[in-house]
Amino acid sequence: MKKSMVIFLTAFFLLLTNHANAEPVDYQKFGRIATAVIKEDYPGQPVKDYQYQGRKKMTENKVSDAFEFTVQENGADKKVVVIVVHNLDNEKVLNISVKE
């Protein structure tokens, strides 16, 4: 009984671990790029908040990832959205836009 319970729990944890790793978080690379753009556009201004807004499919191989930042500029909070358009096949950035 104990042996079968140990086998079951081991299999359960292995499946749980594999499921968690099955969905890669590939937007992190583009989040770092968006953060670098914000730091470049707002030098010396503190970034108070950062949130991934999601991905939109533009064509078969082209998608856009949106990131919203809250930047404090001259004592006031400002929402800034950075959109990174990239190719899914080679992960190369095609376009970066910043909207206030």
PDB file of N, CA and C in Angstrom:
ATOM      1  N   MET A   1       0.824  -1.193   0.000  1.00  0.00           N
ATOM      2  CA  MET A   1       0.000   0.000   0.000  1.00  0.00           C
ATOM      3  C   MET A   1       0.874   1.264   0.000  1.00  0.00           C
ATOM      4  N   LYS A   2       1.870   1.297   0.898  1.00  0.00           N
ATOM      5  CA  LYS A   2       2.744   2.457   0.975  1.00  0.00           C
ATOM      6  C   LYS A   2       3.543   2.622  -0.309  1.00  0.00           C
ATOM      7  N   LYS A   3       3.977   1.504  -0.869  1.00  0.00           N
ATOM      8  CA  LYS A   3       4.775   1.555  -2.088  1.00  0.00           C
ATOM      9  C   LYS A   3       3.958   2.135  -3.249  1.00  0.00           C
ATOM     10  N   SER A   4       2.715   1.723  -3.390  1.00  0.00           N
ATOM     11  CA  SER A   4       1.877   2.251  -4.472  1.00  0.00           C
ATOM     12  C   SER A   4       1.553   3.727  -4.251  1.00  0.00           C
ATOM     13  N   MET A   5       1.406   4.132  -2.999  1.00  0.00           N
ATOM     14  CA  MET A   5       1.140   5.541  -2.698  1.00  0.00           C
ATOM     15  C   MET A   5       2.348   6.403  -3.049  1.00  0.00           C
ATOM     16  N   VAL A   6       3.537   5.934  -2.755  1.00  0.00           N
ATOM     17  CA  VAL A   6       4.764   6.671  -3.072  1.00  0.00           C
ATOM     18  C   VAL A   6       4.921   6.791  -4.584  1.00  0.00           C
ATOM     19  N   ILE A   7       4.649   5.723  -5.309  1.00  0.00           N
ATOM     20  CA  ILE A   7       4.737   5.752  -6.773  1.00  0.00           C
ATOM     21  C   ILE A   7       3.716   6.732  -7.342  1.00  0.00           C
ATOM     22  N   PHE A   8       2.499   6.686  -6.816  1.00  0.00           N
ATOM     23  CA  PHE A   8       1.462   7.604  -7.284  1.00  0.00           C
ATOM     24  C   PHE A   8       1.853   9.059  -7.034  1.00  0.00           C
ATOM     25  N   LEU A   9       2.314   9.374  -5.839  1.00  0.00           N
ATOM     26  CA  LEU A   9       2.690  10.754  -5.517  1.00  0.00           C
ATOM     27  C   LEU A   9       3.880  11.223  -6.352  1.00  0.00           C
ATOM     28  N   THR A  10       4.845  10.341  -6.571  1.00  0.00           N
ATOM     29  CA  THR A  10       5.992  10.690  -7.405  1.00  0.00           C
ATOM     30  C   THR A  10       5.546  10.991  -8.833  1.00  0.00           C
ATOM     31  N   ALA A  11       4.702  10.153  -9.389  1.00  0.00           N
ATOM     32  CA  ALA A  11       4.195  10.371 -10.749  1.00  0.00           C
ATOM     33  C   ALA A  11       3.389  11.660 -10.821  1.00  0.00           C
ATOM     34  N   PHE A  12       2.582  11.913  -9.802  1.00  0.00           N
ATOM     35  CA  PHE A  12       1.767  13.133  -9.764  1.00  0.00           C
ATOM     36  C   PHE A  12       2.644  14.382  -9.786  1.00  0.00           C
ATOM     37  N   PHE A  13       3.676  14.414  -8.951  1.00  0.00           N
ATOM     38  CA  PHE A  13       4.558  15.577  -8.899  1.00  0.00           C
ATOM     39  C   PHE A  13       5.359  15.746 -10.181  1.00  0.00           C
ATOM     40  N   LEU A  14       5.764  14.640 -10.804  1.00  0.00           N
ATOM     41  CA  LEU A  14       6.469  14.730 -12.078  1.00  0.00           C
ATOM     42  C   LEU A  14       5.567  15.296 -13.169  1.00  0.00           C
ATOM     43  N   LEU A  15       4.328  14.851 -13.214  1.00  0.00           N
ATOM     44  CA  LEU A  15       3.387  15.380 -14.199  1.00  0.00           C
ATOM     45  C   LEU A  15       3.090  16.852 -13.945  1.00  0.00           C
ATOM     46  N   LEU A  16       2.938  17.206 -12.699  1.00  0.00           N
ATOM     47  CA  LEU A  16       2.672  18.597 -12.336  1.00  0.00           C
ATOM     48  C   LEU A  16       3.845  19.484 -12.730  1.00  0.00           C
ATOM     49  N   THR A  17       5.052  19.045 -12.484  1.00  0.00           N
ATOM     50  CA  THR A  17       6.249  19.802 -12.837  1.00  0.00           C
ATOM     51  C   THR A  17       6.374  19.939 -14.343  1.00  0.00           C
ATOM     52  N   ASN A  18       6.137  18.872 -15.087  1.00  0.00           N
ATOM     53  CA  ASN A  18       6.220  18.936 -16.541  1.00  0.00           C
ATOM     54  C   ASN A  18       5.144  19.832 -17.125  1.00  0.00           C
ATOM     55  N   HIS A  19       3.961  19.837 -16.544  1.00  0.00           N
ATOM     56  CA  HIS A  19       2.892  20.698 -17.042  1.00  0.00           C
ATOM     57  C   HIS A  19       3.233  22.169 -16.828  1.00  0.00           C
ATOM     58  N   ALA A  20       3.829  22.484 -15.707  1.00  0.00           N
ATOM     59  CA  ALA A  20       4.206  23.873 -15.421  1.00  0.00           C
ATOM     60  C   ALA A  20       5.264  24.355 -16.404  1.00  0.00           C
ATOM     61  N   ASN A  21       6.156  23.464 -16.837  1.00  0.00           N
ATOM     62  CA  ASN A  21       7.207  23.846 -17.770  1.00  0.00           C
ATOM     63  C   ASN A  21       6.776  23.710 -19.225  1.00  0.00           C
ATOM     64  N   ALA A  22       5.596  23.184 -19.481  1.00  0.00           N
ATOM     65  CA  ALA A  22       5.144  22.958 -20.855  1.00  0.00           C
ATOM     66  C   ALA A  22       4.797  24.254 -21.559  1.00  0.00           C
ATOM     67  N   GLU A  23       4.411  25.276 -20.808  1.00  0.00           N
ATOM     68  CA  GLU A  23       4.049  26.560 -21.403  1.00  0.00           C
ATOM     69  C   GLU A  23       5.183  27.546 -21.183  1.00  0.00           C
ATOM     70  N   PRO A  24       6.037  27.740 -22.194  1.00  0.00           N
ATOM     71  CA  PRO A  24       7.165  28.643 -22.005  1.00  0.00           C
ATOM     72  C   PRO A  24       6.701  30.091 -21.899  1.00  0.00           C
ATOM     73  N   VAL A  25       7.391  30.826 -21.094  1.00  0.00           N
ATOM     74  CA  VAL A  25       7.070  32.239 -20.920  1.00  0.00           C
ATOM     75  C   VAL A  25       8.012  33.008 -21.840  1.00  0.00           C
ATOM     76  N   ASP A  26       7.702  33.005 -23.127  1.00  0.00           N
ATOM     77  CA  ASP A  26       8.599  33.597 -24.105  1.00  0.00           C
ATOM     78  C   ASP A  26       8.470  35.111 -24.197  1.00  0.00           C
ATOM     79  N   TYR A  27       7.496  35.693 -23.542  1.00  0.00           N
ATOM     80  CA  TYR A  27       7.365  37.146 -23.607  1.00  0.00           C
ATOM     81  C   TYR A  27       8.353  37.849 -22.678  1.00  0.00           C
ATOM     82  N   GLN A  28       9.046  37.115 -21.812  1.00  0.00           N
ATOM     83  CA  GLN A  28       9.996  37.738 -20.885  1.00  0.00           C
ATOM     84  C   GLN A  28      11.118  38.453 -21.621  1.00  0.00           C
ATOM     85  N   LYS A  29      11.600  37.871 -22.698  1.00  0.00           N
ATOM     86  CA  LYS A  29      12.655  38.498 -23.490  1.00  0.00           C
ATOM     87  C   LYS A  29      12.182  39.851 -23.987  1.00  0.00           C
ATOM     88  N   PHE A  30      10.957  39.917 -24.465  1.00  0.00           N
ATOM     89  CA  PHE A  30      10.430  41.158 -25.015  1.00  0.00           C
ATOM     90  C   PHE A  30      10.054  42.144 -23.907  1.00  0.00           C
ATOM     91  N   GLY A  31       9.765  41.630 -22.722  1.00  0.00           N
ATOM     92  CA  GLY A  31       9.541  42.491 -21.561  1.00  0.00           C
ATOM     93  C   GLY A  31      10.822  43.211 -21.161  1.00  0.00           C
ATOM     94  N   ARG A  32      11.947  42.509 -21.260  1.00  0.00           N
ATOM     95  CA  ARG A  32      13.238  43.151 -20.973  1.00  0.00           C
ATOM     96  C   ARG A  32      13.532  44.237 -22.004  1.00  0.00           C
ATOM     97  N   ILE A  33      13.195  43.970 -23.252  1.00  0.00           N
ATOM     98  CA  ILE A  33      13.400  44.971 -24.303  1.00  0.00           C
ATOM     99  C   ILE A  33      12.520  46.189 -24.032  1.00  0.00           C
ATOM    100  N   ALA A  34      11.248  45.955 -23.673  1.00  0.00           N
ATOM    101  CA  ALA A  34      10.327  47.061 -23.378  1.00  0.00           C
ATOM    102  C   ALA A  34      10.821  47.871 -22.186  1.00  0.00           C
ATOM    103  N   THR A  35      11.358  47.208 -21.166  1.00  0.00           N
ATOM    104  CA  THR A  35      11.888  47.901 -19.998  1.00  0.00           C
ATOM    105  C   THR A  35      13.080  48.770 -20.379  1.00  0.00           C
ATOM    106  N   ALA A  36      13.947  48.258 -21.234  1.00  0.00           N
ATOM    107  CA  ALA A  36      15.100  49.038 -21.695  1.00  0.00           C
ATOM    108  C   ALA A  36      14.648  50.279 -22.467  1.00  0.00           C
ATOM    109  N   VAL A  37      13.589  50.143 -23.269  1.00  0.00           N
ATOM    110  CA  VAL A  37      13.057  51.282 -24.021  1.00  0.00           C
ATOM    111  C   VAL A  37      12.510  52.342 -23.059  1.00  0.00           C
ATOM    112  N   ILE A  38      11.791  51.912 -22.031  1.00  0.00           N
ATOM    113  CA  ILE A  38      11.249  52.852 -21.042  1.00  0.00           C
ATOM    114  C   ILE A  38      12.380  53.577 -20.316  1.00  0.00           C
ATOM    115  N   LYS A  39      13.402  52.859 -19.926  1.00  0.00           N
ATOM    116  CA  LYS A  39      14.530  53.487 -19.232  1.00  0.00           C
ATOM    117  C   LYS A  39      15.243  54.485 -20.137  1.00  0.00           C
ATOM    118  N   GLU A  40      15.276  54.197 -21.429  1.00  0.00           N
ATOM    119  CA  GLU A  40      15.905  55.099 -22.393  1.00  0.00           C
ATOM    120  C   GLU A  40      15.036  56.342 -22.643  1.00  0.00           C
ATOM    121  N   ASP A  41      13.736  56.147 -22.755  1.00  0.00           N
ATOM    122  CA  ASP A  41      12.824  57.261 -23.030  1.00  0.00           C
ATOM    123  C   ASP A  41      12.554  58.135 -21.805  1.00  0.00           C
ATOM    124  N   TYR A  42      12.656  57.556 -20.616  1.00  0.00           N
ATOM    125  CA  TYR A  42      12.395  58.278 -19.366  1.00  0.00           C
ATOM    126  C   TYR A  42      13.595  58.119 -18.425  1.00  0.00           C
ATOM    127  N   PRO A  43      14.742  58.680 -18.795  1.00  0.00           N
ATOM    128  CA  PRO A  43      15.945  58.481 -17.975  1.00  0.00           C
ATOM    129  C   PRO A  43      15.789  59.135 -16.601  1.00  0.00           C
ATOM    130  N   GLY A  44      16.168  58.409 -15.582  1.00  0.00           N
ATOM    131  CA  GLY A  44      16.122  58.932 -14.229  1.00  0.00           C
ATOM    132  C   GLY A  44      14.750  58.956 -13.592  1.00  0.00           C
ATOM    133  N   GLN A  45      13.714  58.589 -14.342  1.00  0.00           N
ATOM    134  CA  GLN A  45      12.358  58.581 -13.803  1.00  0.00           C
ATOM    135  C   GLN A  45      12.065  57.189 -13.248  1.00  0.00           C
ATOM    136  N   PRO A  46      11.512  57.119 -12.043  1.00  0.00           N
ATOM    137  CA  PRO A  46      11.225  55.792 -11.472  1.00  0.00           C
ATOM    138  C   PRO A  46      10.053  55.094 -12.161  1.00  0.00           C
ATOM    139  N   VAL A  47      10.221  53.810 -12.404  1.00  0.00           N
ATOM    140  CA  VAL A  47       9.150  52.975 -12.935  1.00  0.00           C
ATOM    141  C   VAL A  47       8.458  52.342 -11.738  1.00  0.00           C
ATOM    142  N   LYS A  48       7.180  52.682 -11.533  1.00  0.00           N
ATOM    143  CA  LYS A  48       6.461  52.232 -10.349  1.00  0.00           C
ATOM    144  C   LYS A  48       5.751  50.905 -10.550  1.00  0.00           C
ATOM    145  N   ASP A  49       5.344  50.616 -11.782  1.00  0.00           N
ATOM    146  CA  ASP A  49       4.582  49.394 -12.023  1.00  0.00           C
ATOM    147  C   ASP A  49       4.850  48.910 -13.436  1.00  0.00           C
ATOM    148  N   TYR A  50       4.712  47.597 -13.626  1.00  0.00           N
ATOM    149  CA  TYR A  50       4.950  46.963 -14.918  1.00  0.00           C
ATOM    150  C   TYR A  50       3.972  45.813 -15.038  1.00  0.00           C
ATOM    151  N   GLN A  51       3.282  45.732 -16.177  1.00  0.00           N
ATOM    152  CA  GLN A  51       2.308  44.652 -16.339  1.00  0.00           C
ATOM    153  C   GLN A  51       2.267  44.210 -17.797  1.00  0.00           C
ATOM    154  N   TYR A  52       2.287  42.883 -17.986  1.00  0.00           N
ATOM    155  CA  TYR A  52       2.154  42.312 -19.324  1.00  0.00           C
ATOM    156  C   TYR A  52       0.684  42.370 -19.711  1.00  0.00           C
ATOM    157  N   GLN A  53       0.380  42.977 -20.858  1.00  0.00           N
ATOM    158  CA  GLN A  53      -1.001  43.159 -21.294  1.00  0.00           C
ATOM    159  C   GLN A  53      -1.501  42.053 -22.216  1.00  0.00           C
ATOM    160  N   GLY A  54      -0.594  41.279 -22.775  1.00  0.00           N
ATOM    161  CA  GLY A  54      -1.029  40.172 -23.615  1.00  0.00           C
ATOM    162  C   GLY A  54      -0.426  40.211 -25.006  1.00  0.00           C
ATOM    163  N   ARG A  55      -0.776  39.199 -25.767  1.00  0.00           N
ATOM    164  CA  ARG A  55      -0.248  39.018 -27.114  1.00  0.00           C
ATOM    165  C   ARG A  55      -1.385  39.037 -28.119  1.00  0.00           C
ATOM    166  N   LYS A  56      -1.136  39.699 -29.251  1.00  0.00           N
ATOM    167  CA  LYS A  56      -2.089  39.712 -30.358  1.00  0.00           C
ATOM    168  C   LYS A  56      -1.403  39.150 -31.595  1.00  0.00           C
ATOM    169  N   LYS A  57      -2.107  38.252 -32.259  1.00  0.00           N
ATOM    170  CA  LYS A  57      -1.577  37.661 -33.482  1.00  0.00           C
ATOM    171  C   LYS A  57      -1.902  38.596 -34.637  1.00  0.00           C
ATOM    172  N   MET A  58      -0.879  38.989 -35.380  1.00  0.00           N
ATOM    173  CA  MET A  58      -1.064  39.915 -36.491  1.00  0.00           C
ATOM    174  C   MET A  58      -1.137  39.164 -37.824  1.00  0.00           C
ATOM    175  N   THR A  59      -0.198  38.253 -38.030  1.00  0.00           N
ATOM    176  CA  THR A  59      -0.211  37.367 -39.195  1.00  0.00           C
ATOM    177  C   THR A  59       0.165  35.976 -38.697  1.00  0.00           C
ATOM    178  N   GLU A  60       0.385  35.058 -39.605  1.00  0.00           N
ATOM    179  CA  GLU A  60       0.736  33.691 -39.214  1.00  0.00           C
ATOM    180  C   GLU A  60       1.991  33.640 -38.345  1.00  0.00           C
ATOM    181  N   ASN A  61       2.990  34.465 -38.672  1.00  0.00           N
ATOM    182  CA  ASN A  61       4.267  34.416 -37.964  1.00  0.00           C
ATOM    183  C   ASN A  61       4.583  35.682 -37.174  1.00  0.00           C
ATOM    184  N   LYS A  62       3.725  36.684 -37.257  1.00  0.00           N
ATOM    185  CA  LYS A  62       4.006  37.963 -36.618  1.00  0.00           C
ATOM    186  C   LYS A  62       3.009  38.239 -35.497  1.00  0.00           C
ATOM    187  N   VAL A  63       3.529  38.583 -34.309  1.00  0.00           N
ATOM    188  CA  VAL A  63       2.689  38.888 -33.152  1.00  0.00           C
ATOM    189  C   VAL A  63       3.174  40.172 -32.491  1.00  0.00           C
ATOM    190  N   SER A  64       2.314  40.737 -31.642  1.00  0.00           N
ATOM    191  CA  SER A  64       2.717  41.901 -30.854  1.00  0.00           C
ATOM    192  C   SER A  64       2.444  41.605 -29.383  1.00  0.00           C
ATOM    193  N   ASP A  65       3.414  41.930 -28.552  1.00  0.00           N
ATOM    194  CA  ASP A  65       3.284  41.817 -27.108  1.00  0.00           C
ATOM    195  C   ASP A  65       3.217  43.233 -26.546  1.00  0.00           C
ATOM    196  N   ALA A  66       2.246  43.483 -25.662  1.00  0.00           N
ATOM    197  CA  ALA A  66       2.060  44.815 -25.078  1.00  0.00           C
ATOM    198  C   ALA A  66       2.419  44.785 -23.600  1.00  0.00           C
ATOM    199  N   PHE A  67       3.091  45.828 -23.163  1.00  0.00           N
ATOM    200  CA  PHE A  67       3.530  45.971 -21.780  1.00  0.00           C
ATOM    201  C   PHE A  67       3.141  47.369 -21.306  1.00  0.00           C
ATOM    202  N   GLU A  68       2.499  47.437 -20.143  1.00  0.00           N
ATOM    203  CA  GLU A  68       2.094  48.732 -19.594  1.00  0.00           C
ATOM    204  C   GLU A  68       2.983  49.072 -18.400  1.00  0.00           C
ATOM    205  N   PHE A  69       3.514  50.274 -18.419  1.00  0.00           N
ATOM    206  CA  PHE A  69       4.370  50.762 -17.349  1.00  0.00           C
ATOM    207  C   PHE A  69       3.714  51.974 -16.706  1.00  0.00           C
ATOM    208  N   THR A  70       3.925  52.130 -15.412  1.00  0.00           N
ATOM    209  CA  THR A  70       3.557  53.351 -14.720  1.00  0.00           C
ATOM    210  C   THR A  70       4.860  54.046 -14.363  1.00  0.00           C
ATOM    211  N   VAL A  71       5.081  55.193 -14.994  1.00  0.00           N
ATOM    212  CA  VAL A  71       6.311  55.952 -14.811  1.00  0.00           C
ATOM    213  C   VAL A  71       5.964  57.222 -14.056  1.00  0.00           C
ATOM    214  N   GLN A  72       6.796  57.571 -13.093  1.00  0.00           N
ATOM    215  CA  GLN A  72       6.570  58.816 -12.361  1.00  0.00           C
ATOM    216  C   GLN A  72       7.412  59.892 -13.023  1.00  0.00           C
ATOM    217  N   GLU A  73       6.726  60.889 -13.594  1.00  0.00           N
ATOM    218  CA  GLU A  73       7.416  61.972 -14.287  1.00  0.00           C
ATOM    219  C   GLU A  73       6.978  63.297 -13.676  1.00  0.00           C
ATOM    220  N   ASN A  74       7.935  64.052 -13.161  1.00  0.00           N
ATOM    221  CA  ASN A  74       7.668  65.339 -12.507  1.00  0.00           C
ATOM    222  C   ASN A  74       6.630  65.213 -11.397  1.00  0.00           C
ATOM    223  N   GLY A  75       6.706  64.146 -10.633  1.00  0.00           N
ATOM    224  CA  GLY A  75       5.816  63.937  -9.495  1.00  0.00           C
ATOM    225  C   GLY A  75       4.453  63.370  -9.835  1.00  0.00           C
ATOM    226  N   ALA A  76       4.160  63.173 -11.117  1.00  0.00           N
ATOM    227  CA  ALA A  76       2.856  62.635 -11.522  1.00  0.00           C
ATOM    228  C   ALA A  76       3.040  61.272 -12.184  1.00  0.00           C
ATOM    229  N   ASP A  77       2.086  60.373 -11.937  1.00  0.00           N
ATOM    230  CA  ASP A  77       2.119  59.048 -12.563  1.00  0.00           C
ATOM    231  C   ASP A  77       1.638  59.145 -14.000  1.00  0.00           C
ATOM    232  N   LYS A  78       2.334  58.444 -14.869  1.00  0.00           N
ATOM    233  CA  LYS A  78       1.992  58.426 -16.291  1.00  0.00           C
ATOM    234  C   LYS A  78       1.971  56.986 -16.762  1.00  0.00           C
ATOM    235  N   LYS A  79       0.897  56.578 -17.446  1.00  0.00           N
ATOM    236  CA  LYS A  79       0.795  55.232 -18.019  1.00  0.00           C
ATOM    237  C   LYS A  79       1.418  55.262 -19.415  1.00  0.00           C
ATOM    238  N   VAL A  80       2.326  54.336 -19.641  1.00  0.00           N
ATOM    239  CA  VAL A  80       3.006  54.229 -20.930  1.00  0.00           C
ATOM    240  C   VAL A  80       2.913  52.784 -21.390  1.00  0.00           C
ATOM    241  N   VAL A  81       2.496  52.582 -22.634  1.00  0.00           N
ATOM    242  CA  VAL A  81       2.380  51.240 -23.202  1.00  0.00           C
ATOM    243  C   VAL A  81       3.468  51.073 -24.263  1.00  0.00           C
ATOM    244  N   VAL A  82       4.222  50.001 -24.126  1.00  0.00           N
ATOM    245  CA  VAL A  82       5.235  49.651 -25.114  1.00  0.00           C
ATOM    246  C   VAL A  82       4.748  48.404 -25.836  1.00  0.00           C
ATOM    247  N   ILE A  83       4.699  48.489 -27.165  1.00  0.00           N
ATOM    248  CA  ILE A  83       4.269  47.356 -27.989  1.00  0.00           C
ATOM    249  C   ILE A  83       5.470  46.879 -28.794  1.00  0.00           C
ATOM    250  N   VAL A  84       5.791  45.601 -28.619  1.00  0.00           N
ATOM    251  CA  VAL A  84       6.925  44.994 -29.315  1.00  0.00           C
ATOM    252  C   VAL A  84       6.363  44.007 -30.329  1.00  0.00           C
ATOM    253  N   VAL A  85       6.585  44.294 -31.608  1.00  0.00           N
ATOM    254  CA  VAL A  85       6.157  43.409 -32.696  1.00  0.00           C
ATOM    255  C   VAL A  85       7.358  42.558 -33.084  1.00  0.00           C
ATOM    256  N   HIS A  86       7.133  41.243 -33.146  1.00  0.00           N
ATOM    257  CA  HIS A  86       8.240  40.349 -33.467  1.00  0.00           C
ATOM    258  C   HIS A  86       7.764  39.153 -34.258  1.00  0.00           C
ATOM    259  N   ASN A  87       8.736  38.476 -34.846  1.00  0.00           N
ATOM    260  CA  ASN A  87       8.505  37.287 -35.661  1.00  0.00           C
ATOM    261  C   ASN A  87       8.593  36.059 -34.766  1.00  0.00           C
ATOM    262  N   LEU A  88       7.617  35.183 -34.822  1.00  0.00           N
ATOM    263  CA  LEU A  88       7.621  33.973 -34.000  1.00  0.00           C
ATOM    264  C   LEU A  88       8.667  32.953 -34.445  1.00  0.00           C
ATOM    265  N   ASP A  89       8.968  32.933 -35.732  1.00  0.00           N
ATOM    266  CA  ASP A  89       9.913  31.935 -36.243  1.00  0.00           C
ATOM    267  C   ASP A  89      11.332  32.163 -35.737  1.00  0.00           C
ATOM    268  N   ASN A  90      11.796  33.403 -35.796  1.00  0.00           N
ATOM    269  CA  ASN A  90      13.179  33.674 -35.412  1.00  0.00           C
ATOM    270  C   ASN A  90      13.297  34.605 -34.200  1.00  0.00           C
ATOM    271  N   GLU A  91      12.181  35.026 -33.626  1.00  0.00           N
ATOM    272  CA  GLU A  91      12.113  35.889 -32.443  1.00  0.00           C
ATOM    273  C   GLU A  91      12.805  37.233 -32.646  1.00  0.00           C
ATOM    274  N   LYS A  92      12.932  37.678 -33.880  1.00  0.00           N
ATOM    275  CA  LYS A  92      13.545  38.977 -34.141  1.00  0.00           C
ATOM    276  C   LYS A  92      12.496  40.071 -33.997  1.00  0.00           C
ATOM    277  N   VAL A  93      12.914  41.169 -33.378  1.00  0.00           N
ATOM    278  CA  VAL A  93      12.025  42.305 -33.181  1.00  0.00           C
ATOM    279  C   VAL A  93      11.873  43.036 -34.504  1.00  0.00           C
ATOM    280  N   LEU A  94      10.630  43.303 -34.896  1.00  0.00           N
ATOM    281  CA  LEU A  94      10.352  43.984 -36.134  1.00  0.00           C
ATOM    282  C   LEU A  94      10.028  45.465 -35.922  1.00  0.00           C
ATOM    283  N   ASN A  95       9.385  45.774 -34.777  1.00  0.00           N
ATOM    284  CA  ASN A  95       8.963  47.140 -34.513  1.00  0.00           C
ATOM    285  C   ASN A  95       8.731  47.320 -33.019  1.00  0.00           C
ATOM    286  N   ILE A  96       9.046  48.506 -32.511  1.00  0.00           N
ATOM    287  CA  ILE A  96       8.772  48.859 -31.135  1.00  0.00           C
ATOM    288  C   ILE A  96       8.071  50.208 -31.135  1.00  0.00           C
ATOM    289  N   SER A  97       6.925  50.300 -30.476  1.00  0.00           N
ATOM    290  CA  SER A  97       6.226  51.577 -30.385  1.00  0.00           C
ATOM    291  C   SER A  97       5.910  51.889 -28.936  1.00  0.00           C
ATOM    292  N   VAL A  98       5.919  53.185 -28.628  1.00  0.00           N
ATOM    293  CA  VAL A  98       5.650  53.669 -27.270  1.00  0.00           C
ATOM    294  C   VAL A  98       4.470  54.614 -27.349  1.00  0.00           C
ATOM    295  N   LYS A  99       3.441  54.355 -26.517  1.00  0.00           N
ATOM    296  CA  LYS A  99       2.246  55.194 -26.499  1.00  0.00           C
ATOM    297  C   LYS A  99       1.998  55.651 -25.073  1.00  0.00           C
ATOM    298  N   GLU A 100       1.756  56.939 -24.909  1.00  0.00           N
ATOM    299  CA  GLU A 100       1.448  57.480 -23.581  1.00  0.00           C
ATOM    300  C   GLU A 100      -0.032  57.539 -23.374  1.00  0.00           C
TER     301      GLU A 100
END
